[in-house]
C-alpha atoms as a PDB file:
ATOM      1  CA  UNK A   1     -67.654  30.920 -26.349  1.00  0.00           C
ATOM      2  CA  UNK A   2     -66.487  33.725 -24.075  1.00  0.00           C
ATOM      3  CA  UNK A   3     -62.795  33.537 -23.315  1.00  0.00           C
ATOM      4  CA  UNK A   4     -60.986  35.710 -20.768  1.00  0.00           C
ATOM      5  CA  UNK A   5     -58.629  38.240 -22.359  1.00  0.00           C
ATOM      6  CA  UNK A   6     -55.236  39.305 -21.023  1.00  0.00           C
ATOM      7  CA  UNK A   7     -52.974  42.000 -22.459  1.00  0.00           C
ATOM      8  CA  UNK A   8     -49.198  41.928 -22.454  1.00  0.00           C
ATOM      9  CA  UNK A   9     -47.285  45.202 -22.797  1.00  0.00           C
ATOM     10  CA  UNK A  10     -43.675  44.212 -23.432  1.00  0.00           C
ATOM     11  CA  UNK A  11     -40.784  43.872 -25.857  1.00  0.00           C
ATOM     12  CA  UNK A  12     -40.516  41.389 -28.695  1.00  0.00           C
ATOM     13  CA  UNK A  13     -37.926  38.593 -28.486  1.00  0.00           C
ATOM     14  CA  UNK A  14     -36.849  37.592 -31.990  1.00  0.00           C
ATOM     15  CA  UNK A  15     -35.856  34.118 -30.755  1.00  0.00           C
ATOM     16  CA  UNK A  16     -39.335  33.507 -29.321  1.00  0.00           C
ATOM     17  CA  UNK A  17     -38.339  32.513 -25.799  1.00  0.00           C
ATOM     18  CA  UNK A  18     -39.103  35.623 -23.754  1.00  0.00           C
ATOM     19  CA  UNK A  19     -41.023  38.889 -23.972  1.00  0.00           C
ATOM     20  CA  UNK A  20     -44.207  39.183 -26.011  1.00  0.00           C
ATOM     21  CA  UNK A  21     -43.734  35.745 -27.545  1.00  0.00           C
ATOM     22  CA  UNK A  22     -43.367  34.013 -24.168  1.00  0.00           C
ATOM     23  CA  UNK A  23     -46.334  35.930 -22.789  1.00  0.00           C
ATOM     24  CA  UNK A  24     -48.635  34.925 -25.637  1.00  0.00           C
ATOM     25  CA  UNK A  25     -47.511  31.290 -25.349  1.00  0.00           C
ATOM     26  CA  UNK A  26     -48.234  31.408 -21.616  1.00  0.00           C
ATOM     27  CA  UNK A  27     -51.684  32.908 -22.125  1.00  0.00           C
ATOM     28  CA  UNK A  28     -52.504  30.235 -24.717  1.00  0.00           C
ATOM     29  CA  UNK A  29     -51.190  27.408 -22.522  1.00  0.00           C
ATOM     30  CA  UNK A  30     -53.433  28.567 -19.672  1.00  0.00           C
ATOM     31  CA  UNK A  31     -56.573  29.012 -21.754  1.00  0.00           C
ATOM     32  CA  UNK A  32     -56.592  32.802 -22.072  1.00  0.00           C
ATOM     33  CA  UNK A  33     -56.827  34.946 -25.212  1.00  0.00           C
ATOM     34  CA  UNK A  34     -53.756  37.142 -25.535  1.00  0.00           C
ATOM     35  CA  UNK A  35     -53.519  40.666 -26.912  1.00  0.00           C
ATOM     36  CA  UNK A  36     -50.246  42.561 -27.142  1.00  0.00           C
ATOM     37  CA  UNK A  37     -48.729  46.037 -27.119  1.00  0.00           C
ATOM     38  CA  UNK A  38     -45.111  45.995 -28.291  1.00  0.00           C
ATOM     39  CA  UNK A  39     -42.770  48.487 -26.594  1.00  0.00           C
ATOM     40  CA  UNK A  40     -39.514  47.509 -28.305  1.00  0.00           C
ATOM     41  CA  UNK A  41     -38.061  45.171 -30.890  1.00  0.00           C
ATOM     42  CA  UNK A  42     -35.011  43.236 -29.794  1.00  0.00           C
ATOM     43  CA  UNK A  43     -32.478  41.352 -31.865  1.00  0.00           C
ATOM     44  CA  UNK A  44     -31.716  38.477 -29.541  1.00  0.00           C
ATOM     45  CA  UNK A  45     -31.298  34.760 -29.279  1.00  0.00           C
ATOM     46  CA  UNK A  46     -30.477  32.253 -26.558  1.00  0.00           C
ATOM     47  CA  UNK A  47     -26.936  33.667 -26.325  1.00  0.00           C
ATOM     48  CA  UNK A  48     -27.768  37.327 -25.748  1.00  0.00           C
ATOM     49  CA  UNK A  49     -29.206  40.615 -26.959  1.00  0.00           C
ATOM     50  CA  UNK A  50     -27.461  42.270 -29.911  1.00  0.00           C
ATOM     51  CA  UNK A  51     -29.831  45.179 -30.505  1.00  0.00           C
ATOM     52  CA  UNK A  52     -32.841  47.066 -29.121  1.00  0.00           C
ATOM     53  CA  UNK A  53     -35.167  49.249 -31.196  1.00  0.00           C
ATOM     54  CA  UNK A  54     -37.714  51.061 -28.997  1.00  0.00           C
ATOM     55  CA  UNK A  55     -41.172  51.712 -30.401  1.00  0.00           C
ATOM     56  CA  UNK A  56     -42.089  55.441 -30.439  1.00  0.00           C
ATOM     57  CA  UNK A  57     -44.073  56.314 -27.309  1.00  0.00           C
ATOM     58  CA  UNK A  58     -46.958  57.711 -29.365  1.00  0.00           C
ATOM     59  CA  UNK A  59     -47.349  54.379 -31.127  1.00  0.00           C
ATOM     60  CA  UNK A  60     -47.346  52.535 -27.800  1.00  0.00           C
ATOM     61  CA  UNK A  61     -50.254  54.802 -26.869  1.00  0.00           C
ATOM     62  CA  UNK A  62     -51.983  54.022 -30.180  1.00  0.00           C
ATOM     63  CA  UNK A  63     -51.670  50.268 -29.564  1.00  0.00           C
ATOM     64  CA  UNK A  64     -53.060  50.557 -26.038  1.00  0.00           C
ATOM     65  CA  UNK A  65     -55.988  52.700 -27.150  1.00  0.00           C
ATOM     66  CA  UNK A  66     -56.775  50.239 -29.945  1.00  0.00           C
ATOM     67  CA  UNK A  67     -56.837  47.270 -27.567  1.00  0.00           C
ATOM     68  CA  UNK A  68     -58.720  48.894 -24.689  1.00  0.00           C
ATOM     69  CA  UNK A  69     -61.144  50.574 -27.068  1.00  0.00           C
ATOM     70  CA  UNK A  70     -62.378  47.208 -28.356  1.00  0.00           C
ATOM     71  CA  UNK A  71     -61.404  44.263 -26.129  1.00  0.00           C
ATOM     72  CA  UNK A  72     -62.708  43.438 -22.652  1.00  0.00           C
ATOM     73  CA  UNK A  73     -59.296  43.059 -21.011  1.00  0.00           C
ATOM     74  CA  UNK A  74     -59.468  41.232 -17.662  1.00  0.00           C
ATOM     75  CA  UNK A  75     -55.793  41.569 -16.690  1.00  0.00           C
ATOM     76  CA  UNK A  76     -52.643  43.338 -17.884  1.00  0.00           C
ATOM     77  CA  UNK A  77     -49.029  42.213 -17.702  1.00  0.00           C
ATOM     78  CA  UNK A  78     -46.250  44.771 -18.208  1.00  0.00           C
ATOM     79  CA  UNK A  79     -42.738  43.606 -19.023  1.00  0.00           C
ATOM     80  CA  UNK A  80     -39.913  45.372 -20.857  1.00  0.00           C
ATOM     81  CA  UNK A  81     -40.593  49.101 -21.145  1.00  0.00           C
ATOM     82  CA  UNK A  82     -37.196  50.235 -22.491  1.00  0.00           C
ATOM     83  CA  UNK A  83     -37.383  54.019 -22.019  1.00  0.00           C
ATOM     84  CA  UNK A  84     -38.829  56.709 -19.771  1.00  0.00           C
ATOM     85  CA  UNK A  85     -41.033  58.116 -22.559  1.00  0.00           C
ATOM     86  CA  UNK A  86     -42.616  54.692 -23.027  1.00  0.00           C
ATOM     87  CA  UNK A  87     -43.186  54.359 -19.281  1.00  0.00           C
ATOM     88  CA  UNK A  88     -44.947  57.726 -19.284  1.00  0.00           C
ATOM     89  CA  UNK A  89     -47.123  56.695 -22.244  1.00  0.00           C
ATOM     90  CA  UNK A  90     -48.095  53.415 -20.550  1.00  0.00           C
ATOM     91  CA  UNK A  91     -48.882  55.150 -17.262  1.00  0.00           C
ATOM     92  CA  UNK A  92     -51.042  57.755 -19.004  1.00  0.00           C
ATOM     93  CA  UNK A  93     -53.027  55.106 -20.903  1.00  0.00           C
ATOM     94  CA  UNK A  94     -53.513  52.966 -17.793  1.00  0.00           C
ATOM     95  CA  UNK A  95     -54.757  56.005 -15.911  1.00  0.00           C
ATOM     96  CA  UNK A  96     -57.140  56.831 -18.744  1.00  0.00           C
ATOM     97  CA  UNK A  97     -58.532  53.301 -19.306  1.00  0.00           C
ATOM     98  CA  UNK A  98     -58.209  51.992 -15.713  1.00  0.00           C
ATOM     99  CA  UNK A  99     -57.777  48.255 -16.442  1.00  0.00           C
ATOM    100  CA  UNK A 100     -57.433  45.980 -13.426  1.00  0.00           C
ATOM    101  CA  UNK A 101     -55.499  44.090 -12.258  1.00  0.00           C
ATOM    102  CA  UNK A 102     -52.053  45.058 -13.553  1.00  0.00           C
ATOM    103  CA  UNK A 103     -49.040  42.770 -13.007  1.00  0.00           C
ATOM    104  CA  UNK A 104     -45.719  44.573 -13.445  1.00  0.00           C
ATOM    105  CA  UNK A 105     -42.561  42.572 -14.107  1.00  0.00           C
ATOM    106  CA  UNK A 106     -39.744  45.141 -13.783  1.00  0.00           C
ATOM    107  CA  UNK A 107     -37.570  43.800 -16.606  1.00  0.00           C
ATOM    108  CA  UNK A 108     -34.161  45.410 -16.186  1.00  0.00           C
ATOM    109  CA  UNK A 109     -31.656  42.736 -17.282  1.00  0.00           C
ATOM    110  CA  UNK A 110     -32.044  39.752 -19.628  1.00  0.00           C
ATOM    111  CA  UNK A 111     -31.244  36.173 -18.588  1.00  0.00           C
ATOM    112  CA  UNK A 112     -28.019  36.564 -20.579  1.00  0.00           C
ATOM    113  CA  UNK A 113     -27.032  39.567 -18.430  1.00  0.00           C
ATOM    114  CA  UNK A 114     -27.697  42.165 -21.136  1.00  0.00           C
ATOM    115  CA  UNK A 115     -29.368  45.402 -19.927  1.00  0.00           C
ATOM    116  CA  UNK A 116     -32.929  45.961 -21.152  1.00  0.00           C
ATOM    117  CA  UNK A 117     -33.809  49.217 -19.379  1.00  0.00           C
ATOM    118  CA  UNK A 118     -32.051  52.579 -19.501  1.00  0.00           C
ATOM    119  CA  UNK A 119     -30.801  53.928 -16.174  1.00  0.00           C
ATOM    120  CA  UNK A 120     -33.090  56.973 -16.111  1.00  0.00           C
ATOM    121  CA  UNK A 121     -36.107  54.737 -16.723  1.00  0.00           C
ATOM    122  CA  UNK A 122     -35.643  52.795 -13.467  1.00  0.00           C
ATOM    123  CA  UNK A 123     -36.815  55.848 -11.522  1.00  0.00           C
ATOM    124  CA  UNK A 124     -39.825  56.046 -13.825  1.00  0.00           C
ATOM    125  CA  UNK A 125     -40.731  52.472 -12.953  1.00  0.00           C
ATOM    126  CA  UNK A 126     -40.638  53.342  -9.267  1.00  0.00           C
ATOM    127  CA  UNK A 127     -42.700  56.509  -9.428  1.00  0.00           C
ATOM    128  CA  UNK A 128     -45.032  56.087 -12.403  1.00  0.00           C
ATOM    129  CA  UNK A 129     -45.828  52.384 -12.923  1.00  0.00           C
ATOM    130  CA  UNK A 130     -45.405  50.630  -9.571  1.00  0.00           C
ATOM    131  CA  UNK A 131     -48.203  52.678  -7.940  1.00  0.00           C
ATOM    132  CA  UNK A 132     -50.574  51.570 -10.745  1.00  0.00           C
ATOM    133  CA  UNK A 133     -49.870  47.840 -10.326  1.00  0.00           C
ATOM    134  CA  UNK A 134     -51.688  45.273  -8.197  1.00  0.00           C
ATOM    135  CA  UNK A 135     -48.508  43.179  -8.080  1.00  0.00           C
ATOM    136  CA  UNK A 136     -44.850  43.607  -9.016  1.00  0.00           C
ATOM    137  CA  UNK A 137     -42.666  40.544  -9.625  1.00  0.00           C
ATOM    138  CA  UNK A 138     -38.956  41.451  -9.404  1.00  0.00           C
ATOM    139  CA  UNK A 139     -36.256  38.814  -9.127  1.00  0.00           C
ATOM    140  CA  UNK A 140     -33.491  39.390  -6.589  1.00  0.00           C
ATOM    141  CA  UNK A 141     -31.287  41.574  -8.874  1.00  0.00           C
ATOM    142  CA  UNK A 142     -34.306  43.597 -10.036  1.00  0.00           C
ATOM    143  CA  UNK A 143     -35.495  44.194  -6.471  1.00  0.00           C
ATOM    144  CA  UNK A 144     -32.022  45.493  -5.617  1.00  0.00           C
ATOM    145  CA  UNK A 145     -31.893  47.691  -8.737  1.00  0.00           C
ATOM    146  CA  UNK A 146     -35.265  49.246  -7.933  1.00  0.00           C
ATOM    147  CA  UNK A 147     -33.927  50.208  -4.508  1.00  0.00           C
ATOM    148  CA  UNK A 148     -30.425  51.150  -5.690  1.00  0.00           C
ATOM    149  CA  UNK A 149     -28.598  48.718  -3.422  1.00  0.00           C
ATOM    150  CA  UNK A 150     -26.777  45.345  -3.462  1.00  0.00           C
ATOM    151  CA  UNK A 151     -28.606  42.087  -4.164  1.00  0.00           C
ATOM    152  CA  UNK A 152     -30.097  40.575  -1.011  1.00  0.00           C
ATOM    153  CA  UNK A 153     -28.345  37.363   0.038  1.00  0.00           C
ATOM    154  CA  UNK A 154     -30.203  36.518   3.253  1.00  0.00           C
ATOM    155  CA  UNK A 155     -33.847  36.007   4.144  1.00  0.00           C
ATOM    156  CA  UNK A 156     -33.704  39.055   6.435  1.00  0.00           C
ATOM    157  CA  UNK A 157     -32.343  41.244   3.629  1.00  0.00           C
ATOM    158  CA  UNK A 158     -35.023  39.983   1.216  1.00  0.00           C
ATOM    159  CA  UNK A 159     -37.690  40.777   3.821  1.00  0.00           C
ATOM    160  CA  UNK A 160     -36.315  44.294   4.261  1.00  0.00           C
ATOM    161  CA  UNK A 161     -36.300  44.938   0.506  1.00  0.00           C
ATOM    162  CA  UNK A 162     -39.784  43.509   0.093  1.00  0.00           C
ATOM    163  CA  UNK A 163     -41.231  45.809   2.725  1.00  0.00           C
ATOM    164  CA  UNK A 164     -39.560  48.852   1.204  1.00  0.00           C
ATOM    165  CA  UNK A 165     -40.806  47.945  -2.271  1.00  0.00           C
ATOM    166  CA  UNK A 166     -44.326  47.740  -0.832  1.00  0.00           C
ATOM    167  CA  UNK A 167     -43.856  51.296   0.400  1.00  0.00           C
ATOM    168  CA  UNK A 168     -43.522  52.458  -3.223  1.00  0.00           C
ATOM    169  CA  UNK A 169     -47.289  52.138  -3.567  1.00  0.00           C
ATOM    170  CA  UNK A 170     -48.026  48.648  -4.865  1.00  0.00           C
ATOM    171  CA  UNK A 171     -50.271  46.467  -2.657  1.00  0.00           C
ATOM    172  CA  UNK A 172     -48.312  43.259  -3.292  1.00  0.00           C
ATOM    173  CA  UNK A 173     -44.708  42.358  -4.138  1.00  0.00           C
ATOM    174  CA  UNK A 174     -43.444  38.949  -5.241  1.00  0.00           C
ATOM    175  CA  UNK A 175     -39.650  38.707  -4.956  1.00  0.00           C
ATOM    176  CA  UNK A 176     -38.598  35.674  -6.976  1.00  0.00           C
ATOM    177  CA  UNK A 177     -35.780  33.487  -5.710  1.00  0.00           C
ATOM    178  CA  UNK A 178     -34.554  31.920  -8.932  1.00  0.00           C
ATOM    179  CA  UNK A 179     -31.236  33.777  -8.677  1.00  0.00           C
ATOM    180  CA  UNK A 180     -30.662  32.528  -5.132  1.00  0.00           C
ATOM    181  CA  UNK A 181     -28.782  29.499  -3.868  1.00  0.00           C
ATOM    182  CA  UNK A 182     -29.732  26.218  -2.221  1.00  0.00           C
ATOM    183  CA  UNK A 183     -31.877  23.206  -3.043  1.00  0.00           C
ATOM    184  CA  UNK A 184     -35.060  25.261  -3.131  1.00  0.00           C
ATOM    185  CA  UNK A 185     -36.053  28.321  -5.127  1.00  0.00           C
ATOM    186  CA  UNK A 186     -38.108  30.378  -2.683  1.00  0.00           C
ATOM    187  CA  UNK A 187     -40.340  33.233  -3.779  1.00  0.00           C
ATOM    188  CA  UNK A 188     -41.598  35.674  -1.154  1.00  0.00           C
ATOM    189  CA  UNK A 189     -45.008  37.349  -1.403  1.00  0.00           C
ATOM    190  CA  UNK A 190     -45.271  40.605   0.554  1.00  0.00           C
ATOM    191  CA  UNK A 191     -48.569  42.371   1.256  1.00  0.00           C
ATOM    192  CA  UNK A 192     -50.326  44.227   4.044  1.00  0.00           C
ATOM    193  CA  UNK A 193     -51.184  40.813   5.480  1.00  0.00           C
ATOM    194  CA  UNK A 194     -47.529  39.858   5.946  1.00  0.00           C
ATOM    195  CA  UNK A 195     -45.055  37.614   4.144  1.00  0.00           C
ATOM    196  CA  UNK A 196     -45.689  34.217   2.544  1.00  0.00           C
ATOM    197  CA  UNK A 197     -42.794  31.971   1.473  1.00  0.00           C
ATOM    198  CA  UNK A 198     -43.411  29.921  -1.673  1.00  0.00           C
ATOM    199  CA  UNK A 199     -40.731  27.218  -2.071  1.00  0.00           C
ATOM    200  CA  UNK A 200     -40.173  24.933  -5.042  1.00  0.00           C
ATOM    201  CA  UNK A 201     -37.343  22.545  -5.943  1.00  0.00           C
ATOM    202  CA  UNK A 202     -34.436  24.276  -7.690  1.00  0.00           C
ATOM    203  CA  UNK A 203     -34.091  22.601 -11.097  1.00  0.00           C
ATOM    204  CA  UNK A 204     -30.654  22.040 -12.614  1.00  0.00           C
ATOM    205  CA  UNK A 205     -30.952  23.373 -16.172  1.00  0.00           C
ATOM    206  CA  UNK A 206     -29.515  26.250 -18.150  1.00  0.00           C
ATOM    207  CA  UNK A 207     -32.724  26.452 -20.193  1.00  0.00           C
ATOM    208  CA  UNK A 208     -34.437  29.227 -18.270  1.00  0.00           C
ATOM    209  CA  UNK A 209     -34.833  31.878 -20.985  1.00  0.00           C
ATOM    210  CA  UNK A 210     -38.103  33.721 -20.477  1.00  0.00           C
ATOM    211  CA  UNK A 211     -38.813  32.423 -16.974  1.00  0.00           C
ATOM    212  CA  UNK A 212     -39.580  35.822 -15.438  1.00  0.00           C
ATOM    213  CA  UNK A 213     -41.729  36.935 -18.375  1.00  0.00           C
ATOM    214  CA  UNK A 214     -43.675  33.697 -18.287  1.00  0.00           C
ATOM    215  CA  UNK A 215     -44.197  33.741 -14.513  1.00  0.00           C
ATOM    216  CA  UNK A 216     -45.701  37.230 -14.536  1.00  0.00           C
ATOM    217  CA  UNK A 217     -47.859  36.477 -17.574  1.00  0.00           C
ATOM    218  CA  UNK A 218     -49.049  33.222 -15.951  1.00  0.00           C
ATOM    219  CA  UNK A 219     -50.174  35.195 -12.906  1.00  0.00           C
ATOM    220  CA  UNK A 220     -51.950  37.704 -15.153  1.00  0.00           C
ATOM    221  CA  UNK A 221     -53.644  34.906 -17.093  1.00  0.00           C
ATOM    222  CA  UNK A 222     -54.957  33.261 -13.946  1.00  0.00           C
ATOM    223  CA  UNK A 223     -56.129  36.610 -12.581  1.00  0.00           C
ATOM    224  CA  UNK A 224     -57.967  37.136 -15.886  1.00  0.00           C
ATOM    225  CA  UNK A 225     -59.720  33.817 -15.245  1.00  0.00           C
ATOM    226  CA  UNK A 226     -60.938  35.114 -11.893  1.00  0.00           C
ATOM    227  CA  UNK A 227     -58.499  33.547  -9.440  1.00  0.00           C
ATOM    228  CA  UNK A 228     -57.622  35.420  -6.258  1.00  0.00           C
ATOM    229  CA  UNK A 229     -54.104  36.883  -6.158  1.00  0.00           C
ATOM    230  CA  UNK A 230     -52.468  34.385  -3.799  1.00  0.00           C
ATOM    231  CA  UNK A 231     -54.128  31.443  -5.564  1.00  0.00           C
ATOM    232  CA  UNK A 232     -53.025  32.757  -8.965  1.00  0.00           C
ATOM    233  CA  UNK A 233     -49.442  33.149  -7.725  1.00  0.00           C
ATOM    234  CA  UNK A 234     -49.349  29.628  -6.259  1.00  0.00           C
ATOM    235  CA  UNK A 235     -50.796  28.069  -9.408  1.00  0.00           C
ATOM    236  CA  UNK A 236     -48.493  30.103 -11.658  1.00  0.00           C
ATOM    237  CA  UNK A 237     -45.514  28.988  -9.545  1.00  0.00           C
ATOM    238  CA  UNK A 238     -46.507  25.328  -9.977  1.00  0.00           C
ATOM    239  CA  UNK A 239     -46.955  25.807 -13.721  1.00  0.00           C
ATOM    240  CA  UNK A 240     -43.628  27.606 -14.218  1.00  0.00           C
ATOM    241  CA  UNK A 241     -41.783  24.989 -12.151  1.00  0.00           C
ATOM    242  CA  UNK A 242     -43.143  22.267 -14.424  1.00  0.00           C
ATOM    243  CA  UNK A 243     -42.253  24.326 -17.515  1.00  0.00           C
ATOM    244  CA  UNK A 244     -38.648  24.664 -16.302  1.00  0.00           C
ATOM    245  CA  UNK A 245     -38.475  20.969 -15.428  1.00  0.00           C
ATOM    246  CA  UNK A 246     -39.574  20.113 -18.989  1.00  0.00           C
ATOM    247  CA  UNK A 247     -37.254  22.649 -20.677  1.00  0.00           C
ATOM    248  CA  UNK A 248     -34.585  20.087 -21.538  1.00  0.00           C
ATOM    249  CA  UNK A 249     -37.099  18.214 -23.702  1.00  0.00           C
ATOM    250  CA  UNK A 250     -36.675  21.060 -26.186  1.00  0.00           C
ATOM    251  CA  UNK A 251     -33.500  21.648 -28.201  1.00  0.00           C
ATOM    252  CA  UNK A 252     -33.581  25.345 -29.086  1.00  0.00           C
ATOM    253  CA  UNK A 253     -30.429  27.421 -29.593  1.00  0.00           C
ATOM    254  CA  UNK A 254     -26.949  27.118 -28.143  1.00  0.00           C
ATOM    255  CA  UNK A 255     -27.218  29.268 -24.999  1.00  0.00           C
ATOM    256  CA  UNK A 256     -29.969  29.678 -22.409  1.00  0.00           C
ATOM    257  CA  UNK A 257     -32.814  27.843 -24.133  1.00  0.00           C
ATOM    258  CA  UNK A 258     -36.504  28.527 -23.476  1.00  0.00           C
ATOM    259  CA  UNK A 259     -38.743  26.893 -20.930  1.00  0.00           C
ATOM    260  CA  UNK A 260     -41.411  24.495 -22.240  1.00  0.00           C
ATOM    261  CA  UNK A 261     -44.617  26.539 -22.214  1.00  0.00           C
ATOM    262  CA  UNK A 262     -46.697  23.678 -23.594  1.00  0.00           C
ATOM    263  CA  UNK A 263     -45.344  20.934 -21.330  1.00  0.00           C
ATOM    264  CA  UNK A 264     -48.886  19.840 -20.510  1.00  0.00           C
ATOM    265  CA  UNK A 265     -49.587  19.036 -24.147  1.00  0.00           C
ATOM    266  CA  UNK A 266     -46.408  17.571 -25.684  1.00  0.00           C
END
């Protein structure tokens, strides 16, 4: 049996709800074999992040070379990158191995509000990784942080930020609306072809830990299976909405619990 392979390059979440663990669960739930490159260890749970231990950049390189030197990777997801040196190591390895497509989730702040990216590294995301990605998937606060301005609160402001993020060199930008207001959570897909609004019902639950990680890894998984970008985004959006809707079936932790990655199965 030949199974499509996707690679996640991200941080480890010791509580299992986000990061590498969420990505591998997402890949498995969507029928894709998952490989991983760990950029940082975090001490965290559903209540917050209490410690971050970055992996040395040279060892990030070693992990990437090991994976690309053996596995036929069909798509790459990048999440938490922690430090500028790690960003530079990832960019160099991507340039050397040229995997495609790459989905970049610019993880800057955890669901709990804890920072996950050093200030000097945000510029590295803009200049070194975004131009190598086929798609970036910032939420509203991350889109604002990448541009160094306040969070967009209107559709016009979101459109303006989306167009300026496109100008950074990535062919497609998905600004996620989970941090917005209203009865619907609307994501906006920006590309050379224009803007597409992707609405879904806003679900009342505090169990949203790992949503952004899982959305980007779902897109990568579906791209690895050969879906076109817009189709992969629409199908990932439907899957993540169902995973959030089923999150309250689980009883994990005392803060922001995880989404239900395996809602289709139990």
